Amino acid sequence: MEFFATFPLTGAKRKTTILTNEPQKKPKVACSATTSEIDDGNENEGDDEAEYYEEGEDEGEDEDKDGQDGNEDENKHNEDKNEEQNGKAKEHLANQQVCAHDFHRVKLHDLQIRSLRDCCARTQESCRVEQQARMDLQLTVEKLMQRVENLEETIRKQGENNKRNNETINKCNRRLDDLWNRMKLVKKILEMVNGKLTSLV
């Protein structure tokens, strides 16, 4: 700490420095005067100078107390500054942790999105294959239905043919019956003719 002091021997102001970093030490007061001024001094001035030094010591003690207060203020300021820096460091660390957490969360979401995309792609491929299988199955069913229709048509035609054949068979049976009846009649006629011929002989 620096201040200007007026010395009674010279009447001049001299710069005096007090070390505030060592509060237990008394401040050093530096003064200077010329040899001629000291030789011209009298005893009263010497007494005044001694009184001044005593006052300077008292002022030094006051300055020492002020220095201690200043050191306490400076220490408090440093503590506040350290607390502020620690708070900023903690906040920065917390922000870094939040950023790291957000980064990992975004990375996890990205992996989940990729997994969902792959799952959607596999599902789409499965749906495409299933749709193709359904189309093939539908085509097979249509072909089978066409074959069934063809078989039904064939059965219908075969039924008609059977009906015609039955009619033909019935006609043949009737003709056979007629022929059989005619043969019986011819046989009777032949028997009658043979009987008559026998009676004539």
Protein backbone atom coordinates (compact mmCIF):
# COMPACT_ATOMS: atom_id res chain seq x y z
CA MET A 1 0.00 0.00 0.00
CA GLU A 2 1.47 3.37 -0.94
CA PHE A 3 0.74 6.81 0.50
CA PHE A 4 2.47 10.21 0.77
CA ALA A 5 3.68 11.47 4.20
CA THR A 6 4.84 14.99 5.10
CA PHE A 7 7.97 15.10 7.26
CA PRO A 8 8.44 18.03 9.69
CA LEU A 9 12.17 18.36 9.06
CA THR A 10 11.89 19.02 5.37
CA GLY A 11 8.26 19.92 4.80
CA ALA A 12 8.32 17.68 1.75
CA LYS A 13 6.10 14.76 0.88
CA ARG A 14 7.80 11.41 0.56
CA LYS A 15 6.30 8.23 -0.79
CA THR A 16 5.89 5.57 1.85
CA THR A 17 5.17 1.92 1.06
CA ILE A 18 3.37 -0.50 3.42
CA LEU A 19 3.52 -4.21 2.62
CA THR A 20 -0.03 -5.52 2.95
CA ASN A 21 0.89 -9.13 2.08
CA GLU A 22 2.55 -9.59 5.50
CA PRO A 23 0.00 -8.30 8.03
CA GLN A 24 2.12 -9.26 11.10
CA LYS A 25 4.98 -6.90 10.13
CA LYS A 26 4.91 -3.24 10.84
CA PRO A 27 4.99 -0.91 7.87
CA LYS A 28 8.27 0.53 6.87
CA VAL A 29 8.42 4.29 6.57
CA ALA A 30 11.12 5.57 4.27
CA CYS A 31 12.25 9.13 4.57
CA SER A 32 15.21 11.09 3.30
CA ALA A 33 16.69 14.47 4.08
CA THR A 34 19.82 16.37 3.11
CA THR A 35 22.80 16.62 5.45
CA SER A 36 22.60 20.38 5.65
CA GLU A 37 18.96 20.25 6.69
CA ILE A 38 19.76 17.78 9.48
CA ASP A 39 22.72 19.88 10.73
CA ASP A 40 20.55 23.01 10.80
CA GLY A 41 17.85 21.30 12.90
CA ASN A 42 17.43 22.07 16.62
CA GLU A 43 16.37 19.95 19.53
CA ASN A 44 12.72 20.99 19.24
CA GLU A 45 12.62 19.82 15.70
CA GLY A 46 14.18 16.52 16.84
CA ASP A 47 11.43 16.16 19.40
CA ASP A 48 8.84 16.95 16.76
CA GLU A 49 10.38 14.36 14.50
CA ALA A 50 10.25 11.75 17.28
CA GLU A 51 6.62 12.60 17.91
CA TYR A 52 5.98 12.33 14.19
CA TYR A 53 7.60 8.92 14.08
CA GLU A 54 5.41 7.82 16.95
CA GLU A 55 2.37 9.12 15.09
CA GLY A 56 3.65 7.36 11.98
CA GLU A 57 3.88 4.13 13.92
CA ASP A 58 0.30 4.61 15.12
CA GLU A 59 -0.79 5.35 11.58
CA GLY A 60 1.19 2.31 10.47
CA GLU A 61 -0.71 0.16 12.92
CA ASP A 62 -3.95 1.59 11.56
CA GLU A 63 -2.73 0.91 8.05
CA ASP A 64 -1.74 -2.58 9.16
CA LYS A 65 -5.30 -3.17 10.35
CA ASP A 66 -6.56 -1.73 7.09
CA GLY A 67 -4.16 -4.06 5.29
CA GLN A 68 -5.48 -7.02 7.22
CA ASP A 69 -9.02 -5.96 6.39
CA GLY A 70 -7.91 -5.57 2.79
CA ASN A 71 -6.39 -9.05 2.89
CA GLU A 72 -9.61 -10.44 4.32
CA ASP A 73 -11.58 -8.68 1.60
CA GLU A 74 -9.15 -9.97 -0.99
CA ASN A 75 -9.35 -13.49 0.44
CA LYS A 76 -13.11 -13.28 0.47
CA HIS A 77 -13.03 -11.97 -3.08
CA ASN A 78 -10.73 -14.84 -4.05
CA GLU A 79 -13.01 -17.32 -2.31
CA ASP A 80 -16.02 -15.85 -4.07
CA LYS A 81 -14.11 -15.98 -7.33
CA ASN A 82 -13.09 -19.58 -6.66
CA GLU A 83 -16.66 -20.48 -5.77
CA GLU A 84 -17.83 -18.78 -8.94
CA GLN A 85 -15.20 -20.63 -10.98
CA ASN A 86 -16.13 -23.90 -9.25
CA GLY A 87 -19.77 -23.20 -9.98
CA LYS A 88 -18.95 -22.50 -13.61
CA ALA A 89 -16.82 -25.64 -13.76
CA LYS A 90 -19.62 -27.70 -12.23
CA GLU A 91 -22.11 -26.13 -14.61
CA HIS A 92 -19.77 -26.81 -17.53
CA LEU A 93 -19.32 -30.41 -16.36
CA ALA A 94 -23.07 -30.77 -15.95
CA ASN A 95 -23.58 -29.35 -19.45
CA GLN A 96 -20.98 -31.78 -20.78
CA GLN A 97 -22.75 -34.66 -19.05
CA VAL A 98 -26.10 -33.50 -20.43
CA CYS A 99 -24.57 -33.17 -23.90
CA ALA A 100 -23.01 -36.63 -23.59
CA HIS A 101 -26.34 -38.03 -22.39
CA ASP A 102 -28.16 -36.31 -25.25
CA PHE A 103 -25.52 -37.58 -27.70
CA HIS A 104 -25.90 -41.16 -26.47
CA ARG A 105 -29.68 -40.78 -26.52
CA VAL A 106 -29.57 -39.46 -30.11
CA LYS A 107 -27.23 -42.31 -31.04
CA LEU A 108 -29.60 -44.79 -29.41
CA HIS A 109 -32.55 -43.23 -31.23
CA ASP A 110 -30.57 -43.42 -34.47
CA LEU A 111 -29.93 -47.12 -33.88
CA GLN A 112 -33.60 -47.63 -33.05
CA ILE A 113 -34.62 -45.79 -36.22
CA ARG A 114 -32.22 -47.92 -38.28
CA SER A 115 -33.57 -51.06 -36.63
CA LEU A 116 -37.14 -49.95 -37.33
CA ARG A 117 -36.22 -49.16 -40.94
CA ASP A 118 -34.67 -52.62 -41.33
CA CYS A 119 -37.73 -54.17 -39.71
CA CYS A 120 -40.01 -52.18 -42.05
CA ALA A 121 -37.92 -53.26 -45.04
CA ARG A 122 -38.12 -56.90 -43.96
CA THR A 123 -41.86 -56.54 -43.35
CA GLN A 124 -42.33 -54.95 -46.77
CA GLU A 125 -40.34 -57.76 -48.39
CA SER A 126 -42.37 -60.34 -46.49
CA CYS A 127 -45.60 -58.61 -47.57
CA ARG A 128 -44.39 -58.54 -51.16
CA VAL A 129 -43.54 -62.25 -51.06
CA GLU A 130 -46.86 -63.03 -49.38
CA GLN A 131 -48.72 -60.92 -51.93
CA GLN A 132 -46.93 -62.74 -54.75
CA ALA A 133 -47.79 -66.06 -53.12
CA ARG A 134 -51.42 -64.98 -52.84
CA MET A 135 -51.45 -63.99 -56.51
CA ASP A 136 -49.94 -67.35 -57.46
CA LEU A 137 -52.44 -69.15 -55.24
CA GLN A 138 -55.29 -67.14 -56.73
CA LEU A 139 -54.09 -68.05 -60.21
CA THR A 140 -53.89 -71.72 -59.19
CA VAL A 141 -57.40 -71.54 -57.74
CA GLU A 142 -58.68 -69.95 -60.94
CA LYS A 143 -57.07 -72.74 -62.97
CA LEU A 144 -58.60 -75.36 -60.68
CA MET A 145 -61.99 -73.69 -60.95
CA GLN A 146 -61.64 -73.75 -64.74
CA ARG A 147 -60.78 -77.44 -64.61
CA VAL A 148 -63.78 -78.09 -62.38
CA GLU A 149 -66.01 -76.26 -64.83
CA ASN A 150 -64.55 -78.29 -67.67
CA LEU A 151 -65.11 -81.51 -65.73
CA GLU A 152 -68.67 -80.47 -64.93
CA GLU A 153 -69.23 -79.80 -68.62
CA THR A 154 -67.74 -83.17 -69.50
CA ILE A 155 -69.95 -84.89 -66.91
CA ARG A 156 -72.99 -83.10 -68.27
CA LYS A 157 -72.16 -84.18 -71.80
CA GLN A 158 -71.47 -87.70 -70.61
CA GLY A 159 -74.83 -87.70 -68.87
CA GLU A 160 -76.50 -86.65 -72.06
CA ASN A 161 -74.66 -89.38 -73.93
CA ASN A 162 -75.73 -91.89 -71.32
CA LYS A 163 -79.29 -90.74 -71.66
CA ARG A 164 -79.16 -91.17 -75.41
CA ASN A 165 -77.53 -94.54 -75.01
CA ASN A 166 -80.24 -95.58 -72.58
CA GLU A 167 -82.88 -94.54 -75.05
CA THR A 168 -81.10 -96.52 -77.76
CA ILE A 169 -80.87 -99.53 -75.47
CA ASN A 170 -84.53 -99.26 -74.65
CA LYS A 171 -85.37 -99.12 -78.35
CA CYS A 172 -83.20 -102.15 -78.99
CA ASN A 173 -84.85 -104.00 -76.14
CA ARG A 174 -88.26 -103.21 -77.55
CA ARG A 175 -87.21 -104.39 -81.01
CA LEU A 176 -85.80 -107.57 -79.48
CA ASP A 177 -89.07 -108.13 -77.70
CA ASP A 178 -90.92 -107.64 -80.96
CA LEU A 179 -88.59 -110.04 -82.74
CA TRP A 180 -88.98 -112.55 -79.96
CA ASN A 181 -92.73 -112.33 -80.17
CA ARG A 182 -92.57 -112.75 -83.96
CA MET A 183 -90.35 -115.78 -83.60
CA LYS A 184 -92.87 -117.29 -81.21
CA LEU A 185 -95.64 -116.64 -83.70
CA VAL A 186 -93.64 -118.14 -86.57
CA LYS A 187 -92.91 -121.18 -84.45
CA LYS A 188 -96.59 -121.68 -83.75
CA ILE A 189 -97.37 -121.31 -87.43
CA LEU A 190 -94.73 -123.88 -88.32
CA GLU A 191 -96.10 -126.28 -85.75
CA MET A 192 -99.60 -125.91 -87.19
CA VAL A 193 -98.32 -126.47 -90.71
CA ASN A 194 -96.40 -129.55 -89.64
CA GLY A 195 -99.54 -130.89 -87.93
CA LYS A 196 -101.61 -130.44 -91.03
CA LEU A 197 -98.98 -132.07 -93.22
CA THR A 198 -98.79 -135.00 -90.90
CA SER A 199 -102.57 -135.45 -90.97
CA LEU A 200 -102.61 -135.35 -94.73
CA VAL A 201 -100.06 -138.12 -95.00
